[in-house]
Amino acid sequence: MYDRRFFQTKLGQAALASVTAMALFVALSGQMQATPAMAATIGCQQVELA
């Protein structure tokens, strides 16, 4: 399957970098929390046309 020879190729190194980046993204995004200031909506006027 995946052995040392595979991870020495460019494809293997790219796969390893991709998995590492995804794991880091999941770890960092789990620490973020949405605050009310970040989740605020932009107020706008609504106009109804007859």
C-alpha atoms as a PDB file:
ATOM      1  CA  MET A   1       0.000   0.000   0.000  1.00  0.00           C
ATOM      2  CA  TYR A   2       1.836   3.119   1.212  1.00  0.00           C
ATOM      3  CA  ASP A   3       5.427   2.453   2.060  1.00  0.00           C
ATOM      4  CA  ARG A   4       8.630   4.432   2.409  1.00  0.00           C
ATOM      5  CA  ARG A   5       9.248   4.412  -1.351  1.00  0.00           C
ATOM      6  CA  PHE A   6       5.875   6.031  -2.024  1.00  0.00           C
ATOM      7  CA  PHE A   7       6.501   8.889   0.408  1.00  0.00           C
ATOM      8  CA  GLN A   8       9.888   9.546  -1.196  1.00  0.00           C
ATOM      9  CA  THR A   9       8.202  10.377  -4.525  1.00  0.00           C
ATOM     10  CA  LYS A  10       6.841  13.828  -5.339  1.00  0.00           C
ATOM     11  CA  LEU A  11       3.298  12.461  -5.320  1.00  0.00           C
ATOM     12  CA  GLY A  12       3.810  10.920  -1.898  1.00  0.00           C
ATOM     13  CA  GLN A  13       5.252  14.138  -0.500  1.00  0.00           C
ATOM     14  CA  ALA A  14       2.344  16.125  -1.944  1.00  0.00           C
ATOM     15  CA  ALA A  15      -0.125  13.677  -0.390  1.00  0.00           C
ATOM     16  CA  LEU A  16       1.586  13.943   2.977  1.00  0.00           C
ATOM     17  CA  ALA A  17       1.603  17.754   2.783  1.00  0.00           C
ATOM     18  CA  SER A  18      -2.088  17.744   1.847  1.00  0.00           C
ATOM     19  CA  VAL A  19      -3.079  15.514   4.763  1.00  0.00           C
ATOM     20  CA  THR A  20      -0.989  17.619   7.152  1.00  0.00           C
ATOM     21  CA  ALA A  21      -2.577  20.847   5.901  1.00  0.00           C
ATOM     22  CA  MET A  22      -6.099  19.426   6.277  1.00  0.00           C
ATOM     23  CA  ALA A  23      -5.381  18.224   9.808  1.00  0.00           C
ATOM     24  CA  LEU A  24      -3.945  21.633  10.732  1.00  0.00           C
ATOM     25  CA  PHE A  25      -6.973  23.390   9.229  1.00  0.00           C
ATOM     26  CA  VAL A  26      -9.383  21.222  11.224  1.00  0.00           C
ATOM     27  CA  ALA A  27      -7.403  21.777  14.418  1.00  0.00           C
ATOM     28  CA  LEU A  28      -7.287  25.559  13.978  1.00  0.00           C
ATOM     29  CA  SER A  29     -10.868  25.988  12.774  1.00  0.00           C
ATOM     30  CA  GLY A  30     -12.118  24.066  15.810  1.00  0.00           C
ATOM     31  CA  GLN A  31     -10.673  26.767  18.058  1.00  0.00           C
ATOM     32  CA  MET A  32     -12.507  29.631  16.329  1.00  0.00           C
ATOM     33  CA  GLN A  33     -15.781  30.829  17.785  1.00  0.00           C
ATOM     34  CA  ALA A  34     -18.170  33.222  16.090  1.00  0.00           C
ATOM     35  CA  THR A  35     -18.803  36.313  18.182  1.00  0.00           C
ATOM     36  CA  PRO A  36     -21.923  38.448  17.765  1.00  0.00           C
ATOM     37  CA  ALA A  37     -19.829  41.186  16.168  1.00  0.00           C
ATOM     38  CA  MET A  38     -18.578  38.788  13.510  1.00  0.00           C
ATOM     39  CA  ALA A  39     -22.024  37.338  12.874  1.00  0.00           C
ATOM     40  CA  ALA A  40     -23.784  40.715  12.581  1.00  0.00           C
ATOM     41  CA  THR A  41     -25.878  41.260   9.494  1.00  0.00           C
ATOM     42  CA  ILE A  42     -25.777  44.399   7.424  1.00  0.00           C
ATOM     43  CA  GLY A  43     -28.936  46.448   7.768  1.00  0.00           C
ATOM     44  CA  CYS A  44     -30.596  47.547   4.573  1.00  0.00           C
ATOM     45  CA  GLN A  45     -33.858  49.184   3.607  1.00  0.00           C
ATOM     46  CA  GLN A  46     -36.505  47.165   1.863  1.00  0.00           C
ATOM     47  CA  VAL A  47     -38.686  48.835  -0.715  1.00  0.00           C
ATOM     48  CA  GLU A  48     -41.833  47.280  -2.082  1.00  0.00           C
ATOM     49  CA  LEU A  49     -42.777  48.197  -5.614  1.00  0.00           C
ATOM     50  CA  ALA A  50     -46.474  48.314  -6.467  1.00  0.00           C
END
